[in-house]
Amino acid sequence: MNYLSFIAFSSGIAISTQAAMNSQLGSLLKNPLLATCIAFGTSVIFTLLAVMIYTKEFPSFDTMKGVPVYLWITGGLLSAFAVSMFYFLIPQMGIGPMMSFALTGQLIAAVIASHYGWFDLPVKLITPDKSIGVIALLLGVVLINVE
């Protein structure tokens, strides 16, 4: 496993851990949307600190003006939806089943987006091996969720 794979793997652990912890916060507060707001508020603080420490040059106004409006809004909207649903669903489904379905959705969307090169992604065609992998993933989700 190279260092990029390790970072990706560690990020997955972080997502599961934060989802479980913030879901608990939402349950204790009896409000998963408030837990989402707190999580994003904390994220803003830490992200702004990182930006201030690591950003050497900010984009120009012209560069920022050239970014389509939907890119300024849609990512945050989708993030808020996904994270809120995580915090809502985990206490009801459990983290294993919820994450298995969420990761399946992520991977299927990622394979399709890569196949077509959406959002300027490098094109990675769906091959027979990838198709078998997606089928194996779906089988795994079924097996994970068998009671």
Protein backbone atom coordinates (compact mmCIF):
# COMPACT_ATOMS: atom_id res chain seq x y z
CA MET A 1 0.00 0.00 0.00
CA ASN A 2 1.56 3.32 -1.04
CA TYR A 3 1.19 6.47 1.05
CA LEU A 4 -1.73 7.83 -1.01
CA SER A 5 -3.65 4.59 -0.46
CA PHE A 6 -2.84 4.80 3.25
CA ILE A 7 -4.11 8.38 3.42
CA ALA A 8 -7.31 7.36 1.59
CA PHE A 9 -7.75 4.37 3.94
CA SER A 10 -7.19 6.61 6.98
CA SER A 11 -9.69 9.12 5.60
CA GLY A 12 -12.28 6.36 5.39
CA ILE A 13 -11.65 5.49 9.04
CA ALA A 14 -12.01 9.18 9.92
CA ILE A 15 -15.33 9.41 8.04
CA SER A 16 -16.77 6.37 9.83
CA THR A 17 -15.52 7.55 13.21
CA GLN A 18 -16.77 11.13 12.84
CA ALA A 19 -20.10 9.90 11.50
CA ALA A 20 -20.59 7.64 14.52
CA MET A 21 -19.51 10.33 16.99
CA ASN A 22 -21.58 13.10 15.42
CA SER A 23 -24.55 10.75 15.11
CA GLN A 24 -24.27 10.24 18.86
CA LEU A 25 -24.13 14.03 19.28
CA GLY A 26 -27.29 14.33 17.17
CA SER A 27 -29.03 11.66 19.26
CA LEU A 28 -28.04 13.30 22.54
CA LEU A 29 -29.17 16.70 21.27
CA LYS A 30 -32.25 15.07 19.67
CA ASN A 31 -31.45 17.01 16.51
CA PRO A 32 -29.24 15.55 13.73
CA LEU A 33 -29.37 18.86 11.83
CA LEU A 34 -27.90 20.70 14.81
CA ALA A 35 -25.15 18.05 15.01
CA THR A 36 -24.48 18.63 11.30
CA CYS A 37 -24.27 22.38 11.89
CA ILE A 38 -21.84 21.88 14.78
CA ALA A 39 -19.71 19.48 12.71
CA PHE A 40 -19.55 21.89 9.76
CA GLY A 41 -18.88 24.85 12.05
CA THR A 42 -15.94 23.02 13.61
CA SER A 43 -14.78 21.96 10.14
CA VAL A 44 -14.83 25.59 8.98
CA ILE A 45 -12.61 26.63 11.89
CA PHE A 46 -10.03 23.90 11.30
CA THR A 47 -10.12 24.31 7.52
CA LEU A 48 -9.63 28.08 7.76
CA LEU A 49 -6.65 27.50 10.06
CA ALA A 50 -5.16 25.06 7.55
CA VAL A 51 -5.77 27.51 4.69
CA MET A 52 -4.05 30.30 6.61
CA ILE A 53 -1.06 28.08 7.42
CA TYR A 54 -0.59 26.29 4.09
CA THR A 55 -1.88 28.64 1.37
CA LYS A 56 0.95 30.65 -0.14
CA GLU A 57 -1.04 32.32 -2.91
CA PHE A 58 -4.77 32.86 -3.16
CA PRO A 59 -6.60 32.76 -6.51
CA SER A 60 -7.16 36.08 -8.23
CA PHE A 61 -10.58 37.67 -8.42
CA ASP A 62 -10.70 36.88 -12.16
CA THR A 63 -9.96 33.21 -11.45
CA MET A 64 -12.70 33.11 -8.83
CA LYS A 65 -15.13 34.87 -11.18
CA GLY A 66 -14.47 32.16 -13.77
CA VAL A 67 -15.74 29.38 -11.50
CA PRO A 68 -19.30 28.34 -12.43
CA VAL A 69 -21.88 29.30 -9.79
CA TYR A 70 -23.02 25.71 -9.30
CA LEU A 71 -19.52 24.72 -8.13
CA TRP A 72 -19.67 27.30 -5.32
CA ILE A 73 -22.95 25.89 -4.00
CA THR A 74 -23.60 22.29 -4.99
CA GLY A 75 -20.71 20.64 -3.15
CA GLY A 76 -21.74 22.19 0.16
CA LEU A 77 -25.38 21.34 -0.45
CA LEU A 78 -24.58 17.70 -1.22
CA SER A 79 -22.22 17.52 1.77
CA ALA A 80 -24.85 18.92 4.13
CA PHE A 81 -27.43 16.47 2.81
CA ALA A 82 -25.13 13.44 3.02
CA VAL A 83 -23.74 14.23 6.45
CA SER A 84 -27.17 15.04 7.88
CA MET A 85 -28.52 11.76 6.55
CA PHE A 86 -25.57 9.88 8.09
CA TYR A 87 -26.34 11.37 11.50
CA PHE A 88 -30.05 10.65 11.06
CA LEU A 89 -29.64 7.06 9.80
CA ILE A 90 -26.83 5.67 11.99
CA PRO A 91 -28.91 5.51 15.20
CA GLN A 92 -31.69 3.78 13.27
CA MET A 93 -29.70 1.37 11.07
CA GLY A 94 -26.35 1.02 12.82
CA ILE A 95 -23.08 2.28 11.41
CA GLY A 96 -22.12 -0.92 9.53
CA PRO A 97 -25.26 -1.20 7.40
CA MET A 98 -25.48 2.57 6.84
CA MET A 99 -21.83 2.82 5.77
CA SER A 100 -22.13 -0.25 3.54
CA PHE A 101 -24.98 1.36 1.61
CA ALA A 102 -23.31 4.79 1.61
CA LEU A 103 -20.00 3.40 0.33
CA THR A 104 -21.82 1.40 -2.33
CA GLY A 105 -23.52 4.57 -3.54
CA GLN A 106 -20.19 6.41 -3.50
CA LEU A 107 -18.34 3.71 -5.43
CA ILE A 108 -21.03 3.21 -8.07
CA ALA A 109 -21.27 6.98 -8.63
CA ALA A 110 -17.45 7.20 -8.73
CA VAL A 111 -17.12 4.40 -11.30
CA ILE A 112 -19.73 6.04 -13.54
CA ALA A 113 -18.25 9.55 -13.11
CA SER A 114 -14.76 8.22 -13.90
CA HIS A 115 -16.02 6.29 -16.94
CA TYR A 116 -17.45 9.46 -18.47
CA GLY A 117 -14.83 11.87 -17.10
CA TRP A 118 -17.45 14.02 -15.37
CA PHE A 119 -16.18 17.13 -13.57
CA ASP A 120 -12.89 17.00 -15.50
CA LEU A 121 -11.93 13.68 -13.88
CA PRO A 122 -9.42 11.44 -15.62
CA VAL A 123 -11.34 8.93 -17.76
CA LYS A 124 -11.15 5.41 -16.33
CA LEU A 125 -13.36 3.18 -18.45
CA ILE A 126 -15.61 0.55 -16.91
CA THR A 127 -13.89 -2.73 -17.71
CA PRO A 128 -15.13 -6.28 -17.17
CA ASP A 129 -12.89 -6.45 -14.07
CA LYS A 130 -14.46 -3.28 -12.65
CA SER A 131 -17.92 -4.65 -13.40
CA ILE A 132 -17.06 -7.83 -11.47
CA GLY A 133 -15.79 -5.63 -8.64
CA VAL A 134 -19.07 -3.69 -8.51
CA ILE A 135 -21.04 -6.95 -8.48
CA ALA A 136 -18.79 -8.28 -5.68
CA LEU A 137 -19.36 -5.05 -3.78
CA LEU A 138 -23.13 -5.40 -4.12
CA LEU A 139 -22.90 -9.02 -2.94
CA GLY A 140 -20.80 -7.86 0.00
CA VAL A 141 -23.42 -5.29 0.96
CA VAL A 142 -26.10 -7.97 0.87
CA LEU A 143 -23.96 -10.25 3.06
CA ILE A 144 -23.11 -7.45 5.51
CA ASN A 145 -26.80 -6.69 5.93
CA VAL A 146 -28.12 -10.25 6.32
CA GLU A 147 -29.64 -10.54 9.78
